[in-house]
């Protein structure tokens, strides 16, 4: 149950970041190497297929659970990474969001 709440909160955070840039969500993209990457892949698989991203950012996000008194308590943290890939001439960049090393969201950045 905790994982479900945690994924929803982190996904909302990633969506908020993507929306700030102007983005459209995807399940699969083709990177500059012409190889496909999909939600669910591990970070090392993505690097193996697409190479290093042009930029990376990361943050530790608190994982919260409902406490005995009904309030939220922090029970740990999750590492969220956001990688930006240039996909080639005439293509918008892609923002890939990872949670603990797993690709959870792909956004096409519709502004540069």
PDB file of N, CA and C in Angstrom:
ATOM      1  N   UNK A   1       0.817  -1.182   0.000  1.00  0.00           N
ATOM      2  CA  UNK A   1       0.000   0.000   0.000  1.00  0.00           C
ATOM      3  C   UNK A   1       0.867   1.254   0.000  1.00  0.00           C
ATOM      4  N   UNK A   2       1.944   1.228   0.746  1.00  0.00           N
ATOM      5  CA  UNK A   2       2.828   2.397   0.807  1.00  0.00           C
ATOM      6  C   UNK A   2       3.403   2.700  -0.559  1.00  0.00           C
ATOM      7  N   UNK A   3       3.786   1.659  -1.299  1.00  0.00           N
ATOM      8  CA  UNK A   3       4.406   1.863  -2.607  1.00  0.00           C
ATOM      9  C   UNK A   3       3.450   2.573  -3.551  1.00  0.00           C
ATOM     10  N   UNK A   4       2.160   2.204  -3.509  1.00  0.00           N
ATOM     11  CA  UNK A   4       1.169   2.833  -4.380  1.00  0.00           C
ATOM     12  C   UNK A   4       1.088   4.340  -4.123  1.00  0.00           C
ATOM     13  N   UNK A   5       0.993   4.737  -2.858  1.00  0.00           N
ATOM     14  CA  UNK A   5       0.927   6.157  -2.527  1.00  0.00           C
ATOM     15  C   UNK A   5       2.203   6.858  -2.950  1.00  0.00           C
ATOM     16  N   UNK A   6       3.321   6.198  -2.720  1.00  0.00           N
ATOM     17  CA  UNK A   6       4.630   6.761  -3.043  1.00  0.00           C
ATOM     18  C   UNK A   6       4.758   6.990  -4.549  1.00  0.00           C
ATOM     19  N   UNK A   7       4.392   6.016  -5.348  1.00  0.00           N
ATOM     20  CA  UNK A   7       4.503   6.146  -6.803  1.00  0.00           C
ATOM     21  C   UNK A   7       3.613   7.281  -7.289  1.00  0.00           C
ATOM     22  N   UNK A   8       2.393   7.383  -6.788  1.00  0.00           N
ATOM     23  CA  UNK A   8       1.468   8.444  -7.189  1.00  0.00           C
ATOM     24  C   UNK A   8       2.063   9.817  -6.889  1.00  0.00           C
ATOM     25  N   UNK A   9       2.625  10.004  -5.689  1.00  0.00           N
ATOM     26  CA  UNK A   9       3.167  11.301  -5.298  1.00  0.00           C
ATOM     27  C   UNK A   9       4.367  11.658  -6.168  1.00  0.00           C
ATOM     28  N   UNK A  10       5.266  10.711  -6.389  1.00  0.00           N
ATOM     29  CA  UNK A  10       6.452  10.984  -7.197  1.00  0.00           C
ATOM     30  C   UNK A  10       6.054  11.234  -8.644  1.00  0.00           C
ATOM     31  N   UNK A  11       5.102  10.471  -9.152  1.00  0.00           N
ATOM     32  CA  UNK A  11       4.646  10.677 -10.515  1.00  0.00           C
ATOM     33  C   UNK A  11       4.044  12.064 -10.662  1.00  0.00           C
ATOM     34  N   UNK A  12       3.286  12.506  -9.662  1.00  0.00           N
ATOM     35  CA  UNK A  12       2.742  13.867  -9.710  1.00  0.00           C
ATOM     36  C   UNK A  12       3.864  14.896  -9.737  1.00  0.00           C
ATOM     37  N   UNK A  13       4.913  14.647  -8.954  1.00  0.00           N
ATOM     38  CA  UNK A  13       6.051  15.557  -8.946  1.00  0.00           C
ATOM     39  C   UNK A  13       6.713  15.607 -10.311  1.00  0.00           C
ATOM     40  N   UNK A  14       6.918  14.454 -10.929  1.00  0.00           N
ATOM     41  CA  UNK A  14       7.538  14.394 -12.257  1.00  0.00           C
ATOM     42  C   UNK A  14       6.648  15.069 -13.290  1.00  0.00           C
ATOM     43  N   UNK A  15       5.335  14.860 -13.177  1.00  0.00           N
ATOM     44  CA  UNK A  15       4.414  15.481 -14.123  1.00  0.00           C
ATOM     45  C   UNK A  15       4.439  16.997 -13.969  1.00  0.00           C
ATOM     46  N   UNK A  16       4.520  17.482 -12.743  1.00  0.00           N
ATOM     47  CA  UNK A  16       4.564  18.918 -12.520  1.00  0.00           C
ATOM     48  C   UNK A  16       5.816  19.508 -13.148  1.00  0.00           C
ATOM     49  N   UNK A  17       6.943  18.820 -13.009  1.00  0.00           N
ATOM     50  CA  UNK A  17       8.183  19.293 -13.620  1.00  0.00           C
ATOM     51  C   UNK A  17       8.055  19.293 -15.134  1.00  0.00           C
ATOM     52  N   UNK A  18       7.513  18.233 -15.696  1.00  0.00           N
ATOM     53  CA  UNK A  18       7.362  18.139 -17.144  1.00  0.00           C
ATOM     54  C   UNK A  18       6.419  19.206 -17.659  1.00  0.00           C
ATOM     55  N   UNK A  19       5.336  19.448 -16.942  1.00  0.00           N
ATOM     56  CA  UNK A  19       4.366  20.448 -17.371  1.00  0.00           C
ATOM     57  C   UNK A  19       4.990  21.837 -17.386  1.00  0.00           C
ATOM     58  N   UNK A  20       5.879  22.098 -16.449  1.00  0.00           N
ATOM     59  CA  UNK A  20       6.539  23.402 -16.410  1.00  0.00           C
ATOM     60  C   UNK A  20       7.335  23.647 -17.690  1.00  0.00           C
ATOM     61  N   UNK A  21       7.842  22.595 -18.312  1.00  0.00           N
ATOM     62  CA  UNK A  21       8.614  22.719 -19.532  1.00  0.00           C
ATOM     63  C   UNK A  21       7.736  22.655 -20.777  1.00  0.00           C
ATOM     64  N   UNK A  22       6.501  22.232 -20.642  1.00  0.00           N
ATOM     65  CA  UNK A  22       5.631  21.997 -21.790  1.00  0.00           C
ATOM     66  C   UNK A  22       5.959  20.626 -22.342  1.00  0.00           C
ATOM     67  N   UNK A  23       5.189  19.604 -21.995  1.00  0.00           N
ATOM     68  CA  UNK A  23       5.554  18.245 -22.356  1.00  0.00           C
ATOM     69  C   UNK A  23       4.328  17.404 -22.664  1.00  0.00           C
ATOM     70  N   UNK A  24       4.566  16.363 -23.445  1.00  0.00           N
ATOM     71  CA  UNK A  24       3.538  15.378 -23.750  1.00  0.00           C
ATOM     72  C   UNK A  24       4.074  14.015 -23.345  1.00  0.00           C
ATOM     73  N   UNK A  25       3.311  13.219 -22.570  1.00  0.00           N
ATOM     74  CA  UNK A  25       3.763  11.923 -22.074  1.00  0.00           C
ATOM     75  C   UNK A  25       3.760  10.849 -23.140  1.00  0.00           C
ATOM     76  N   UNK A  26       4.721   9.937 -23.052  1.00  0.00           N
ATOM     77  CA  UNK A  26       4.868   8.813 -23.985  1.00  0.00           C
ATOM     78  C   UNK A  26       5.213   7.568 -23.187  1.00  0.00           C
ATOM     79  N   UNK A  27       4.957   6.387 -23.760  1.00  0.00           N
ATOM     80  CA  UNK A  27       5.376   5.126 -23.149  1.00  0.00           C
ATOM     81  C   UNK A  27       6.686   4.634 -23.743  1.00  0.00           C
ATOM     82  N   UNK A  28       6.961   5.022 -24.995  1.00  0.00           N
ATOM     83  CA  UNK A  28       8.155   4.588 -25.716  1.00  0.00           C
ATOM     84  C   UNK A  28       8.655   5.736 -26.577  1.00  0.00           C
ATOM     85  N   UNK A  29       9.966   5.872 -26.685  1.00  0.00           N
ATOM     86  CA  UNK A  29      10.542   6.850 -27.616  1.00  0.00           C
ATOM     87  C   UNK A  29      11.698   6.201 -28.371  1.00  0.00           C
ATOM     88  N   UNK A  30      12.033   6.806 -29.476  1.00  0.00           N
ATOM     89  CA  UNK A  30      13.198   6.406 -30.248  1.00  0.00           C
ATOM     90  C   UNK A  30      14.271   7.456 -29.967  1.00  0.00           C
ATOM     91  N   UNK A  31      15.423   7.011 -29.486  1.00  0.00           N
ATOM     92  CA  UNK A  31      16.483   7.966 -29.191  1.00  0.00           C
ATOM     93  C   UNK A  31      17.329   8.210 -30.442  1.00  0.00           C
ATOM     94  N   UNK A  32      18.283   9.080 -30.314  1.00  0.00           N
ATOM     95  CA  UNK A  32      19.111   9.501 -31.446  1.00  0.00           C
ATOM     96  C   UNK A  32      19.794   8.326 -32.153  1.00  0.00           C
ATOM     97  N   UNK A  33      20.085   7.274 -31.420  1.00  0.00           N
ATOM     98  CA  UNK A  33      20.723   6.086 -31.991  1.00  0.00           C
ATOM     99  C   UNK A  33      19.727   5.228 -32.781  1.00  0.00           C
ATOM    100  N   UNK A  34      18.475   5.668 -32.848  1.00  0.00           N
ATOM    101  CA  UNK A  34      17.384   4.978 -33.540  1.00  0.00           C
ATOM    102  C   UNK A  34      16.902   3.740 -32.782  1.00  0.00           C
ATOM    103  N   UNK A  35      17.290   3.622 -31.521  1.00  0.00           N
ATOM    104  CA  UNK A  35      16.853   2.506 -30.690  1.00  0.00           C
ATOM    105  C   UNK A  35      15.689   2.949 -29.814  1.00  0.00           C
ATOM    106  N   UNK A  36      14.805   2.010 -29.483  1.00  0.00           N
ATOM    107  CA  UNK A  36      13.634   2.308 -28.672  1.00  0.00           C
ATOM    108  C   UNK A  36      13.912   2.084 -27.191  1.00  0.00           C
ATOM    109  N   UNK A  37      13.412   2.994 -26.366  1.00  0.00           N
ATOM    110  CA  UNK A  37      13.407   2.807 -24.917  1.00  0.00           C
ATOM    111  C   UNK A  37      11.968   2.952 -24.443  1.00  0.00           C
ATOM    112  N   UNK A  38      11.625   2.193 -23.393  1.00  0.00           N
ATOM    113  CA  UNK A  38      10.256   2.152 -22.900  1.00  0.00           C
ATOM    114  C   UNK A  38      10.205   2.291 -21.393  1.00  0.00           C
ATOM    115  N   UNK A  39       9.087   2.810 -20.906  1.00  0.00           N
ATOM    116  CA  UNK A  39       8.826   2.860 -19.477  1.00  0.00           C
ATOM    117  C   UNK A  39       8.989   1.445 -18.930  1.00  0.00           C
ATOM    118  N   UNK A  40       9.652   1.334 -17.783  1.00  0.00           N
ATOM    119  CA  UNK A  40       9.898   0.035 -17.154  1.00  0.00           C
ATOM    120  C   UNK A  40      11.334  -0.424 -17.271  1.00  0.00           C
ATOM    121  N   UNK A  41      12.105   0.173 -18.200  1.00  0.00           N
ATOM    122  CA  UNK A  41      13.515  -0.209 -18.366  1.00  0.00           C
ATOM    123  C   UNK A  41      14.351   0.324 -17.204  1.00  0.00           C
ATOM    124  N   UNK A  42      15.479  -0.335 -16.984  1.00  0.00           N
ATOM    125  CA  UNK A  42      16.434   0.110 -15.980  1.00  0.00           C
ATOM    126  C   UNK A  42      17.340   1.192 -16.580  1.00  0.00           C
ATOM    127  N   UNK A  43      17.862   2.071 -15.736  1.00  0.00           N
ATOM    128  CA  UNK A  43      18.703   3.185 -16.180  1.00  0.00           C
ATOM    129  C   UNK A  43      19.883   2.705 -17.017  1.00  0.00           C
ATOM    130  N   UNK A  44      20.533   1.609 -16.604  1.00  0.00           N
ATOM    131  CA  UNK A  44      21.694   1.135 -17.355  1.00  0.00           C
ATOM    132  C   UNK A  44      21.305   0.635 -18.745  1.00  0.00           C
ATOM    133  N   UNK A  45      20.090   0.109 -18.903  1.00  0.00           N
ATOM    134  CA  UNK A  45      19.612  -0.299 -20.223  1.00  0.00           C
ATOM    135  C   UNK A  45      19.452   0.931 -21.130  1.00  0.00           C
ATOM    136  N   UNK A  46      18.896   2.005 -20.573  1.00  0.00           N
ATOM    137  CA  UNK A  46      18.680   3.223 -21.354  1.00  0.00           C
ATOM    138  C   UNK A  46      20.012   3.798 -21.809  1.00  0.00           C
ATOM    139  N   UNK A  47      20.990   3.864 -20.917  1.00  0.00           N
ATOM    140  CA  UNK A  47      22.317   4.365 -21.287  1.00  0.00           C
ATOM    141  C   UNK A  47      22.940   3.475 -22.350  1.00  0.00           C
ATOM    142  N   UNK A  48      22.765   2.169 -22.225  1.00  0.00           N
ATOM    143  CA  UNK A  48      23.307   1.236 -23.212  1.00  0.00           C
ATOM    144  C   UNK A  48      22.704   1.435 -24.603  1.00  0.00           C
ATOM    145  N   UNK A  49      21.445   1.812 -24.661  1.00  0.00           N
ATOM    146  CA  UNK A  49      20.772   2.016 -25.941  1.00  0.00           C
ATOM    147  C   UNK A  49      20.945   3.420 -26.499  1.00  0.00           C
ATOM    148  N   UNK A  50      20.917   4.418 -25.624  1.00  0.00           N
ATOM    149  CA  UNK A  50      20.896   5.817 -26.078  1.00  0.00           C
ATOM    150  C   UNK A  50      22.158   6.598 -25.751  1.00  0.00           C
ATOM    151  N   UNK A  51      23.058   6.037 -24.973  1.00  0.00           N
ATOM    152  CA  UNK A  51      24.238   6.777 -24.558  1.00  0.00           C
ATOM    153  C   UNK A  51      23.923   7.683 -23.374  1.00  0.00           C
ATOM    154  N   UNK A  52      24.854   8.540 -23.051  1.00  0.00           N
ATOM    155  CA  UNK A  52      24.684   9.455 -21.923  1.00  0.00           C
ATOM    156  C   UNK A  52      23.727  10.584 -22.298  1.00  0.00           C
ATOM    157  N   UNK A  53      22.889  11.016 -21.368  1.00  0.00           N
ATOM    158  CA  UNK A  53      21.985  12.141 -21.641  1.00  0.00           C
ATOM    159  C   UNK A  53      22.755  13.446 -21.705  1.00  0.00           C
ATOM    160  N   UNK A  54      22.115  14.478 -22.295  1.00  0.00           N
ATOM    161  CA  UNK A  54      22.791  15.785 -22.351  1.00  0.00           C
ATOM    162  C   UNK A  54      22.743  16.487 -21.009  1.00  0.00           C
ATOM    163  N   UNK A  55      21.787  16.113 -20.136  1.00  0.00           N
ATOM    164  CA  UNK A  55      21.770  16.657 -18.776  1.00  0.00           C
ATOM    165  C   UNK A  55      21.079  15.676 -17.842  1.00  0.00           C
ATOM    166  N   UNK A  56      21.427  15.778 -16.562  1.00  0.00           N
ATOM    167  CA  UNK A  56      20.845  14.947 -15.505  1.00  0.00           C
ATOM    168  C   UNK A  56      20.583  15.815 -14.287  1.00  0.00           C
ATOM    169  N   UNK A  57      19.508  15.495 -13.588  1.00  0.00           N
ATOM    170  CA  UNK A  57      19.278  16.081 -12.270  1.00  0.00           C
ATOM    171  C   UNK A  57      18.727  14.983 -11.379  1.00  0.00           C
ATOM    172  N   UNK A  58      18.901  15.139 -10.092  1.00  0.00           N
ATOM    173  CA  UNK A  58      18.372  14.140  -9.172  1.00  0.00           C
ATOM    174  C   UNK A  58      17.994  14.804  -7.863  1.00  0.00           C
ATOM    175  N   UNK A  59      17.057  14.155  -7.171  1.00  0.00           N
ATOM    176  CA  UNK A  59      16.656  14.636  -5.861  1.00  0.00           C
ATOM    177  C   UNK A  59      16.138  13.473  -5.037  1.00  0.00           C
ATOM    178  N   UNK A  60      16.327  13.590  -3.740  1.00  0.00           N
ATOM    179  CA  UNK A  60      15.769  12.620  -2.796  1.00  0.00           C
ATOM    180  C   UNK A  60      14.388  13.129  -2.412  1.00  0.00           C
ATOM    181  N   UNK A  61      13.378  12.290  -2.574  1.00  0.00           N
ATOM    182  CA  UNK A  61      12.010  12.675  -2.241  1.00  0.00           C
ATOM    183  C   UNK A  61      11.564  11.832  -1.062  1.00  0.00           C
ATOM    184  N   UNK A  62      10.983  12.466  -0.030  1.00  0.00           N
ATOM    185  CA  UNK A  62      10.532  11.693   1.123  1.00  0.00           C
ATOM    186  C   UNK A  62       9.368  10.772   0.767  1.00  0.00           C
ATOM    187  N   UNK A  63       9.385   9.577   1.345  1.00  0.00           N
ATOM    188  CA  UNK A  63       8.285   8.626   1.211  1.00  0.00           C
ATOM    189  C   UNK A  63       7.472   8.747   2.487  1.00  0.00           C
ATOM    190  N   UNK A  64       6.189   8.996   2.347  1.00  0.00           N
ATOM    191  CA  UNK A  64       5.319   9.202   3.500  1.00  0.00           C
ATOM    192  C   UNK A  64       4.304   8.065   3.629  1.00  0.00           C
ATOM    193  N   UNK A  65       3.923   7.792   4.855  1.00  0.00           N
ATOM    194  CA  UNK A  65       2.870   6.818   5.151  1.00  0.00           C
ATOM    195  C   UNK A  65       1.966   7.426   6.215  1.00  0.00           C
ATOM    196  N   UNK A  66       0.761   6.917   6.290  1.00  0.00           N
ATOM    197  CA  UNK A  66      -0.177   7.409   7.307  1.00  0.00           C
ATOM    198  C   UNK A  66       0.238   6.842   8.659  1.00  0.00           C
ATOM    199  N   UNK A  67       0.416   7.742   9.641  1.00  0.00           N
ATOM    200  CA  UNK A  67       0.798   7.339  10.983  1.00  0.00           C
ATOM    201  C   UNK A  67      -0.405   6.900  11.804  1.00  0.00           C
ATOM    202  N   UNK A  68      -0.141   6.402  12.999  1.00  0.00           N
ATOM    203  CA  UNK A  68      -1.192   5.900  13.886  1.00  0.00           C
ATOM    204  C   UNK A  68      -2.202   6.984  14.251  1.00  0.00           C
ATOM    205  N   UNK A  69      -1.749   8.224  14.347  1.00  0.00           N
ATOM    206  CA  UNK A  69      -2.643   9.326  14.706  1.00  0.00           C
ATOM    207  C   UNK A  69      -3.356   9.906  13.483  1.00  0.00           C
ATOM    208  N   UNK A  70      -3.136   9.313  12.317  1.00  0.00           N
ATOM    209  CA  UNK A  70      -3.805   9.780  11.106  1.00  0.00           C
ATOM    210  C   UNK A  70      -2.987  10.752  10.267  1.00  0.00           C
ATOM    211  N   UNK A  71      -1.904  11.276  10.812  1.00  0.00           N
ATOM    212  CA  UNK A  71      -1.057  12.197  10.054  1.00  0.00           C
ATOM    213  C   UNK A  71      -0.051  11.434   9.214  1.00  0.00           C
ATOM    214  N   UNK A  72       0.650  12.148   8.358  1.00  0.00           N
ATOM    215  CA  UNK A  72       1.674  11.534   7.506  1.00  0.00           C
ATOM    216  C   UNK A  72       3.015  11.550   8.224  1.00  0.00           C
ATOM    217  N   UNK A  73       3.732  10.442   8.128  1.00  0.00           N
ATOM    218  CA  UNK A  73       5.079  10.352   8.684  1.00  0.00           C
ATOM    219  C   UNK A  73       6.031   9.930   7.573  1.00  0.00           C
ATOM    220  N   UNK A  74       7.242  10.449   7.609  1.00  0.00           N
ATOM    221  CA  UNK A  74       8.261  10.091   6.628  1.00  0.00           C
ATOM    222  C   UNK A  74       8.864   8.752   7.039  1.00  0.00           C
ATOM    223  N   UNK A  75       8.837   7.777   6.119  1.00  0.00           N
ATOM    224  CA  UNK A  75       9.369   6.447   6.418  1.00  0.00           C
ATOM    225  C   UNK A  75      10.634   6.131   5.630  1.00  0.00           C
ATOM    226  N   UNK A  76      11.070   7.058   4.782  1.00  0.00           N
ATOM    227  CA  UNK A  76      12.279   6.842   3.982  1.00  0.00           C
ATOM    228  C   UNK A  76      12.330   7.834   2.843  1.00  0.00           C
ATOM    229  N   UNK A  77      13.225   7.588   1.895  1.00  0.00           N
ATOM    230  CA  UNK A  77      13.349   8.456   0.723  1.00  0.00           C
ATOM    231  C   UNK A  77      13.477   7.604  -0.533  1.00  0.00           C
ATOM    232  N   UNK A  78      13.213   8.227  -1.645  1.00  0.00           N
ATOM    233  CA  UNK A  78      13.380   7.615  -2.959  1.00  0.00           C
ATOM    234  C   UNK A  78      14.205   8.555  -3.804  1.00  0.00           C
ATOM    235  N   UNK A  79      15.119   8.014  -4.604  1.00  0.00           N
ATOM    236  CA  UNK A  79      15.927   8.818  -5.507  1.00  0.00           C
ATOM    237  C   UNK A  79      15.178   8.966  -6.827  1.00  0.00           C
ATOM    238  N   UNK A  80      14.905  10.207  -7.215  1.00  0.00           N
ATOM    239  CA  UNK A  80      14.257  10.503  -8.491  1.00  0.00           C
ATOM    240  C   UNK A  80      15.290  11.207  -9.358  1.00  0.00           C
ATOM    241  N   UNK A  81      15.502  10.659 -10.561  1.00  0.00           N
ATOM    242  CA  UNK A  81      16.430  11.267 -11.518  1.00  0.00           C
ATOM    243  C   UNK A  81      15.657  11.676 -12.756  1.00  0.00           C
ATOM    244  N   UNK A  82      16.041  12.802 -13.342  1.00  0.00           N
ATOM    245  CA  UNK A  82      15.452  13.262 -14.595  1.00  0.00           C
ATOM    246  C   UNK A  82      16.590  13.478 -15.589  1.00  0.00           C
ATOM    247  N   UNK A  83      16.507  12.773 -16.714  1.00  0.00           N
ATOM    248  CA  UNK A  83      17.527  12.863 -17.751  1.00  0.00           C
ATOM    249  C   UNK A  83      16.910  13.500 -18.976  1.00  0.00           C
ATOM    250  N   UNK A  84      17.658  14.400 -19.615  1.00  0.00           N
ATOM    251  CA  UNK A  84      17.207  15.016 -20.862  1.00  0.00           C
ATOM    252  C   UNK A  84      18.068  14.493 -22.002  1.00  0.00           C
ATOM    253  N   UNK A  85      17.406  14.007 -23.041  1.00  0.00           N
ATOM    254  CA  UNK A  85      18.077  13.517 -24.236  1.00  0.00           C
ATOM    255  C   UNK A  85      17.706  14.376 -25.438  1.00  0.00           C
ATOM    256  N   UNK A  86      18.707  14.747 -26.215  1.00  0.00           N
ATOM    257  CA  UNK A  86      18.485  15.367 -27.515  1.00  0.00           C
ATOM    258  C   UNK A  86      18.201  14.225 -28.481  1.00  0.00           C
ATOM    259  N   UNK A  87      17.135  14.337 -29.275  1.00  0.00           N
ATOM    260  CA  UNK A  87      16.764  13.236 -30.163  1.00  0.00           C
ATOM    261  C   UNK A  87      17.114  13.499 -31.612  1.00  0.00           C
ATOM    262  N   UNK A  88      17.820  14.578 -31.885  1.00  0.00           N
ATOM    263  CA  UNK A  88      18.252  14.844 -33.253  1.00  0.00           C
ATOM    264  C   UNK A  88      17.545  16.040 -33.866  1.00  0.00           C
ATOM    265  N   UNK A  89      18.035  16.434 -35.009  1.00  0.00           N
ATOM    266  CA  UNK A  89      17.517  17.615 -35.703  1.00  0.00           C
ATOM    267  C   UNK A  89      16.032  17.456 -36.027  1.00  0.00           C
ATOM    268  N   UNK A  90      15.269  18.491 -35.723  1.00  0.00           N
ATOM    269  CA  UNK A  90      13.843  18.487 -36.009  1.00  0.00           C
ATOM    270  C   UNK A  90      12.999  17.752 -34.976  1.00  0.00           C
ATOM    271  N   UNK A  91      13.635  17.184 -33.945  1.00  0.00           N
ATOM    272  CA  UNK A  91      12.930  16.446 -32.890  1.00  0.00           C
ATOM    273  C   UNK A  91      13.013  17.230 -31.578  1.00  0.00           C
ATOM    274  N   UNK A  92      11.931  17.230 -30.830  1.00  0.00           N
ATOM    275  CA  UNK A  92      11.964  17.825 -29.494  1.00  0.00           C
ATOM    276  C   UNK A  92      12.760  16.913 -28.563  1.00  0.00           C
ATOM    277  N   UNK A  93      13.388  17.512 -27.554  1.00  0.00           N
ATOM    278  CA  UNK A  93      14.108  16.739 -26.544  1.00  0.00           C
ATOM    279  C   UNK A  93      13.131  15.867 -25.760  1.00  0.00           C
ATOM    280  N   UNK A  94      13.667  14.835 -25.126  1.00  0.00           N
ATOM    281  CA  UNK A  94      12.878  13.945 -24.284  1.00  0.00           C
ATOM    282  C   UNK A  94      13.377  14.048 -22.845  1.00  0.00           C
ATOM    283  N   UNK A  95      12.439  14.087 -21.895  1.00  0.00           N
ATOM    284  CA  UNK A  95      12.745  14.090 -20.471  1.00  0.00           C
ATOM    285  C   UNK A  95      12.351  12.728 -19.924  1.00  0.00           C
ATOM    286  N   UNK A  96      13.332  11.969 -19.437  1.00  0.00           N
ATOM    287  CA  UNK A  96      13.085  10.646 -18.882  1.00  0.00           C
ATOM    288  C   UNK A  96      13.180  10.734 -17.372  1.00  0.00           C
ATOM    289  N   UNK A  97      12.164  10.244 -16.677  1.00  0.00           N
ATOM    290  CA  UNK A  97      12.132  10.280 -15.215  1.00  0.00           C
ATOM    291  C   UNK A  97      12.290   8.865 -14.667  1.00  0.00           C
ATOM    292  N   UNK A  98      13.241   8.710 -13.750  1.00  0.00           N
ATOM    293  CA  UNK A  98      13.544   7.421 -13.139  1.00  0.00           C
ATOM    294  C   UNK A  98      13.273   7.477 -11.646  1.00  0.00           C
ATOM    295  N   UNK A  99      12.768   6.398 -11.093  1.00  0.00           N
ATOM    296  CA  UNK A  99      12.640   6.226  -9.645  1.00  0.00           C
ATOM    297  C   UNK A  99      13.474   5.023  -9.256  1.00  0.00           C
ATOM    298  N   UNK A 100      14.428   5.242  -8.377  1.00  0.00           N
ATOM    299  CA  UNK A 100      15.311   4.171  -7.924  1.00  0.00           C
ATOM    300  C   UNK A 100      15.854   3.350  -9.087  1.00  0.00           C
ATOM    301  N   UNK A 101      16.254   4.038 -10.181  1.00  0.00           N
ATOM    302  CA  UNK A 101      16.907   3.391 -11.307  1.00  0.00           C
ATOM    303  C   UNK A 101      15.988   2.793 -12.355  1.00  0.00           C
ATOM    304  N   UNK A 102      14.673   2.951 -12.209  1.00  0.00           N
ATOM    305  CA  UNK A 102      13.716   2.399 -13.172  1.00  0.00           C
ATOM    306  C   UNK A 102      12.992   3.539 -13.892  1.00  0.00           C
ATOM    307  N   UNK A 103      12.917   3.457 -15.225  1.00  0.00           N
ATOM    308  CA  UNK A 103      12.248   4.479 -16.026  1.00  0.00           C
ATOM    309  C   UNK A 103      10.747   4.416 -15.776  1.00  0.00           C
ATOM    310  N   UNK A 104      10.189   5.515 -15.242  1.00  0.00           N
ATOM    311  CA  UNK A 104       8.768   5.541 -14.891  1.00  0.00           C
ATOM    312  C   UNK A 104       7.944   6.490 -15.748  1.00  0.00           C
ATOM    313  N   UNK A 105       8.605   7.408 -16.461  1.00  0.00           N
ATOM    314  CA  UNK A 105       7.855   8.365 -17.274  1.00  0.00           C
ATOM    315  C   UNK A 105       8.755   8.926 -18.364  1.00  0.00           C
ATOM    316  N   UNK A 106       8.181   9.112 -19.549  1.00  0.00           N
ATOM    317  CA  UNK A 106       8.866   9.737 -20.675  1.00  0.00           C
ATOM    318  C   UNK A 106       8.018  10.911 -21.127  1.00  0.00           C
ATOM    319  N   UNK A 107       8.624  12.072 -21.210  1.00  0.00           N
ATOM    320  CA  UNK A 107       7.928  13.261 -21.697  1.00  0.00           C
ATOM    321  C   UNK A 107       8.699  13.849 -22.857  1.00  0.00           C
ATOM    322  N   UNK A 108       7.983  14.270 -23.887  1.00  0.00           N
ATOM    323  CA  UNK A 108       8.571  14.998 -25.012  1.00  0.00           C
ATOM    324  C   UNK A 108       8.436  16.473 -24.672  1.00  0.00           C
ATOM    325  N   UNK A 109       9.560  17.169 -24.607  1.00  0.00           N
ATOM    326  CA  UNK A 109       9.550  18.586 -24.240  1.00  0.00           C
ATOM    327  C   UNK A 109       9.174  19.387 -25.484  1.00  0.00           C
ATOM    328  N   UNK A 110       8.037  20.035 -25.442  1.00  0.00           N
ATOM    329  CA  UNK A 110       7.524  20.720 -26.623  1.00  0.00           C
ATOM    330  C   UNK A 110       7.969  22.168 -26.702  1.00  0.00           C
ATOM    331  N   UNK A 111       8.827  22.580 -25.777  1.00  0.00           N
ATOM    332  CA  UNK A 111       9.454  23.899 -25.856  1.00  0.00           C
ATOM    333  C   UNK A 111      10.943  23.708 -25.688  1.00  0.00           C
ATOM    334  N   UNK A 112      11.726  24.618 -26.238  1.00  0.00           N
ATOM    335  CA  UNK A 112      13.180  24.468 -26.143  1.00  0.00           C
ATOM    336  C   UNK A 112      13.797  25.536 -25.309  1.00  0.00           C
TER     337      UNK A 112
END
